[in-house]
Protein backbone atom coordinates (compact mmCIF):
# COMPACT_ATOMS: atom_id res chain seq x y z
CA MET A 1 87.16 89.58 124.99
CA ASN A 2 85.49 92.99 125.09
CA GLN A 3 84.76 94.18 128.62
CA ILE A 4 81.52 95.79 129.77
CA PRO A 5 82.21 99.54 130.12
CA GLU A 6 82.61 100.89 133.66
CA LEU A 7 80.32 103.80 132.75
CA PHE A 8 77.50 101.32 132.05
CA ILE A 9 78.05 99.49 135.36
CA HIS A 10 78.18 102.80 137.25
CA SER A 11 75.05 104.14 135.51
CA CYS A 12 73.13 100.96 136.36
CA ARG A 13 74.08 101.31 140.02
CA GLU A 14 73.06 104.98 140.06
CA ASN A 15 69.64 104.07 138.66
CA GLN A 16 69.11 101.00 140.89
CA LEU A 17 69.20 98.63 137.90
CA THR A 18 70.16 95.20 139.22
CA LEU A 19 71.26 92.54 136.73
CA GLN A 20 72.34 88.94 137.20
CA GLU A 21 75.90 88.05 136.08
CA SER A 22 74.37 85.66 133.54
CA SER A 23 72.28 88.51 132.11
CA LEU A 24 75.32 90.77 131.84
CA GLU A 25 77.17 88.08 129.91
CA LEU A 26 74.24 87.66 127.51
CA LEU A 27 74.12 91.42 127.02
CA ARG A 28 77.86 91.45 126.28
CA LEU A 29 77.44 88.71 123.65
CA TYR A 30 74.50 90.62 122.16
CA VAL A 31 76.52 93.83 121.81
CA GLU A 32 79.38 91.91 120.21
CA LYS A 33 76.91 90.50 117.67
CA LEU A 34 75.51 93.99 117.07
CA MET A 35 78.99 95.41 116.45
CA GLU A 36 79.80 92.60 114.04
CA VAL A 37 76.61 92.69 111.97
CA ASN A 38 76.37 96.50 112.02
CA GLN A 39 79.48 96.62 109.81
CA TYR A 40 77.43 95.44 106.82
CA MET A 41 73.80 95.96 107.91
CA ASN A 42 72.53 99.34 109.06
CA LEU A 43 71.11 98.36 112.46
CA THR A 44 72.22 101.52 114.27
CA ALA A 45 74.20 104.69 113.59
CA VAL A 46 76.14 104.07 116.82
CA ARG A 47 79.46 102.42 115.99
CA ASP A 48 81.55 102.46 119.17
CA TRP A 49 81.51 99.90 122.00
CA GLU A 50 80.69 102.26 124.86
CA GLY A 51 78.11 104.09 122.76
CA MET A 52 76.28 100.82 122.11
CA TRP A 53 76.09 100.10 125.84
CA MET A 54 74.98 103.58 126.88
CA ARG A 55 72.70 104.66 124.04
CA HIS A 56 71.05 101.30 123.45
CA ILE A 57 71.47 98.83 126.32
CA PHE A 58 71.32 101.25 129.27
CA ASP A 59 68.59 103.31 127.59
CA SER A 60 66.50 100.15 127.10
CA LEU A 61 67.01 98.91 130.65
CA LEU A 62 65.62 102.16 132.10
CA LEU A 63 62.18 100.60 131.56
CA LEU A 64 63.06 97.70 133.85
CA PRO A 65 61.92 99.15 137.23
CA ASP A 66 58.42 99.75 135.85
CA LEU A 67 57.85 96.26 134.50
CA LYS A 68 55.37 94.35 136.65
CA ALA A 69 56.78 91.48 138.70
CA ASP A 70 54.06 89.10 137.47
CA PRO A 71 55.55 86.19 135.52
CA ASN A 72 54.24 85.03 132.15
CA GLN A 73 53.40 88.49 130.90
CA ARG A 74 53.26 89.04 127.15
CA ALA A 75 55.10 92.06 125.77
CA LEU A 76 55.48 93.39 122.23
CA ASP A 77 58.28 95.64 120.97
CA LEU A 78 57.21 97.45 117.79
CA GLY A 79 59.81 98.56 115.25
CA SER A 80 62.55 96.61 117.02
CA GLY A 81 65.24 97.24 114.39
CA GLY A 82 68.43 96.04 116.06
CA GLY A 83 66.43 94.85 119.08
CA PHE A 84 65.92 97.92 121.29
CA PRO A 85 64.46 97.86 123.87
CA GLY A 86 63.09 94.33 123.41
CA ILE A 87 66.22 92.19 123.55
CA PRO A 88 67.84 93.84 126.61
CA LEU A 89 64.52 93.63 128.46
CA ALA A 90 63.97 90.01 127.41
CA ILE A 91 67.44 89.17 128.72
CA ALA A 92 66.78 90.96 132.02
CA ARG A 93 63.26 89.48 132.38
CA PRO A 94 63.38 85.88 131.07
CA ASP A 95 60.00 85.23 132.72
CA MET A 96 58.29 87.55 130.21
CA GLN A 97 57.41 86.50 126.67
CA TRP A 98 58.53 89.03 124.06
CA THR A 99 57.31 89.48 120.48
CA LEU A 100 59.66 91.68 118.44
CA VAL A 101 58.11 93.20 115.34
CA ASP A 102 59.79 94.95 112.41
CA SER A 103 58.67 95.43 108.82
CA VAL A 104 62.23 94.90 107.46
CA SER A 105 62.78 91.16 106.99
CA LYS A 106 66.60 91.23 107.18
CA LYS A 107 66.41 92.92 110.59
CA VAL A 108 63.98 90.25 111.78
CA ARG A 109 66.41 87.57 110.59
CA PHE A 110 69.08 89.23 112.73
CA LEU A 111 66.75 89.28 115.76
CA ASN A 112 65.96 85.59 115.36
CA GLU A 113 69.68 84.80 114.98
CA VAL A 114 70.41 86.64 118.23
CA ALA A 115 67.63 84.76 120.03
CA ASP A 116 68.95 81.42 118.73
CA ASP A 117 72.63 82.19 119.40
CA LEU A 118 71.95 83.36 122.96
CA GLY A 119 69.36 80.69 123.75
CA LEU A 120 66.62 83.24 124.42
CA LYS A 121 63.51 81.06 124.43
CA ASN A 122 61.26 83.98 125.43
CA ILE A 123 61.66 85.87 122.12
CA THR A 124 59.71 85.58 118.86
CA ALA A 125 60.57 87.97 116.01
CA LEU A 126 58.07 88.70 113.22
CA SER A 127 58.37 90.59 109.95
CA GLU A 128 55.00 92.33 109.79
CA ARG A 129 53.34 95.72 109.45
CA ALA A 130 51.58 96.90 112.61
CA GLU A 131 48.48 97.84 110.61
CA THR A 132 48.09 94.19 109.57
CA LEU A 133 49.35 92.34 112.64
CA ALA A 134 47.14 94.26 115.07
CA HIS A 135 44.02 92.87 113.38
CA GLN A 136 45.11 89.24 113.81
CA PRO A 137 43.17 87.62 116.71
CA GLU A 138 46.27 86.12 118.36
CA HIS A 139 47.83 89.58 118.64
CA ARG A 140 44.94 92.01 118.98
CA GLU A 141 44.45 93.18 122.58
CA SER A 142 46.72 90.33 123.72
CA TYR A 143 49.67 92.08 125.38
CA ASN A 144 50.24 93.47 128.88
CA LEU A 145 52.96 95.79 127.63
CA VAL A 146 53.94 97.38 124.32
CA THR A 147 57.19 99.30 123.79
CA ALA A 148 58.42 101.39 120.87
CA ARG A 149 61.50 103.50 120.22
CA ALA A 150 62.13 105.82 117.26
CA VAL A 151 59.30 104.38 115.13
CA ALA A 152 57.00 107.29 114.22
CA ARG A 153 55.59 110.53 115.58
CA LEU A 154 53.38 109.93 118.60
CA PRO A 155 49.89 110.36 117.03
CA VAL A 156 50.81 107.73 114.41
CA LEU A 157 52.59 105.51 116.92
CA LEU A 158 49.58 105.39 119.22
CA GLU A 159 47.38 104.08 116.41
CA TYR A 160 50.00 101.41 115.65
CA THR A 161 50.49 100.23 119.22
CA ILE A 162 47.34 100.61 121.33
CA PRO A 163 45.31 97.93 119.45
CA PHE A 164 47.84 95.33 120.64
CA LEU A 165 47.23 96.14 124.32
CA ARG A 166 44.82 94.47 126.69
CA VAL A 167 42.55 96.80 128.64
CA ASN A 168 44.61 98.13 131.59
CA GLY A 169 47.83 97.31 129.71
CA TYR A 170 50.64 99.84 129.31
CA PHE A 171 52.42 101.41 126.37
CA ALA A 172 55.93 102.78 126.93
CA ALA A 173 56.84 105.32 124.23
CA MET A 174 60.54 106.22 124.18
CA LYS A 175 60.57 109.66 122.60
CA GLY A 176 63.24 112.26 121.87
CA GLU A 177 63.46 116.01 122.32
CA GLN A 178 60.17 116.57 120.46
CA ALA A 179 58.19 114.59 123.06
CA ALA A 180 56.27 117.59 124.44
CA LYS A 181 55.30 118.80 120.97
CA GLU A 182 54.24 115.31 119.87
CA LEU A 183 52.15 114.93 123.01
CA LYS A 184 50.18 118.08 122.12
CA GLU A 185 49.65 116.71 118.61
CA SER A 186 48.26 113.49 120.12
CA ARG A 187 45.29 114.87 122.05
CA ARG A 188 42.72 113.54 119.59
CA ALA A 189 44.44 110.14 119.30
CA ILE A 190 44.56 109.81 123.09
CA GLU A 191 40.81 110.43 123.26
CA ARG A 192 39.86 108.22 120.29
CA LEU A 193 42.00 105.31 121.47
CA SER A 194 40.74 105.52 125.08
CA ILE A 195 44.11 105.83 126.76
CA LYS A 196 45.51 107.97 129.53
CA LEU A 197 48.99 109.42 129.97
CA MET A 198 50.10 108.11 133.36
CA ARG A 199 53.62 109.47 133.65
CA LYS A 200 56.41 111.34 131.87
CA GLN A 201 60.01 110.49 132.74
CA ASP A 202 62.99 112.55 131.64
CA GLN A 203 65.71 110.29 130.28
CA PRO A 204 69.41 110.66 131.27
CA GLY A 205 70.45 110.96 127.62
CA GLY A 206 67.66 113.43 126.75
CA GLY A 207 64.10 112.91 125.59
CA GLN A 208 61.23 111.44 127.58
CA LEU A 209 59.68 108.10 128.37
CA LEU A 210 55.89 108.36 128.17
CA TRP A 211 53.73 105.76 129.92
CA PHE A 212 50.15 105.31 128.68
CA LYS A 213 47.43 103.07 130.15
CA LYS A 214 44.64 101.60 128.03
CA ARG A 215 41.21 102.20 129.56
CA ARG A 216 38.74 100.61 127.09
CA PRO A 217 38.82 98.23 124.09
CA THR A 218 40.02 99.72 120.81
CA MET A 219 37.47 100.42 118.07
CA ASP A 220 37.61 97.76 115.34
CA LYS A 221 38.63 100.23 112.63
CA TYR A 222 42.01 100.94 114.28
CA PRO A 223 44.66 100.66 113.08
CA ARG A 224 43.56 101.73 109.63
CA ALA A 225 44.98 100.19 106.43
CA VAL A 226 48.70 100.19 105.69
CA GLY A 227 50.05 103.70 105.12
CA ILE A 228 46.94 105.61 106.20
CA PRO A 229 47.95 106.32 109.84
CA GLY A 230 51.15 107.98 108.61
CA GLN A 231 49.42 109.95 105.86
CA LYS A 232 46.38 110.99 107.91
CA PRO A 233 47.09 110.81 111.66
CA ILE A 234 44.06 110.67 113.94
């Protein structure tokens, strides 16, 4: 049986991340499944055991202290891929309902397999485009929290994600070294989408976590049709 790396345990302690033993075991089983499936499906470029824990699990769990304590919140993780940050957060917060969205159907099959194998009843995985899903009544302005990691440049990403949020909901954008530049490019999108940057957090592995709050309902025209946000950012 593969052991949880000491570096991960130490890093969690340093960052006041407290996890139940049952959650740690579910995370261990999840990483084992990732390692197995990643041999034939490109879920992540990370191939080593410790790298999976530090670059994906620990990185995802850094959002944990900022998640509201209220039970029965709805959260959406856009562009989940191999399940980051949605699955680690769903394991750590079983009281929250998580919708994991990815446009690649084979990745969504993997996410649903993980949820079934680990008995995670608080996860639903959907193979959809954000431009389409965000106009469906059951998803539009229905979530307290939206997360996204390595999906698109920030001006495009904001158009994808903000329509899913309720007014006063939060979007957590996990961005890399270009975060400051992308933020400057997003001034118009921030204004058009009626959001406010609440906080910037430097991440231990580099990059920044950007927290946005939605102030008013999103105009009906956003997000625009499939492909347009990427071709012509706001």
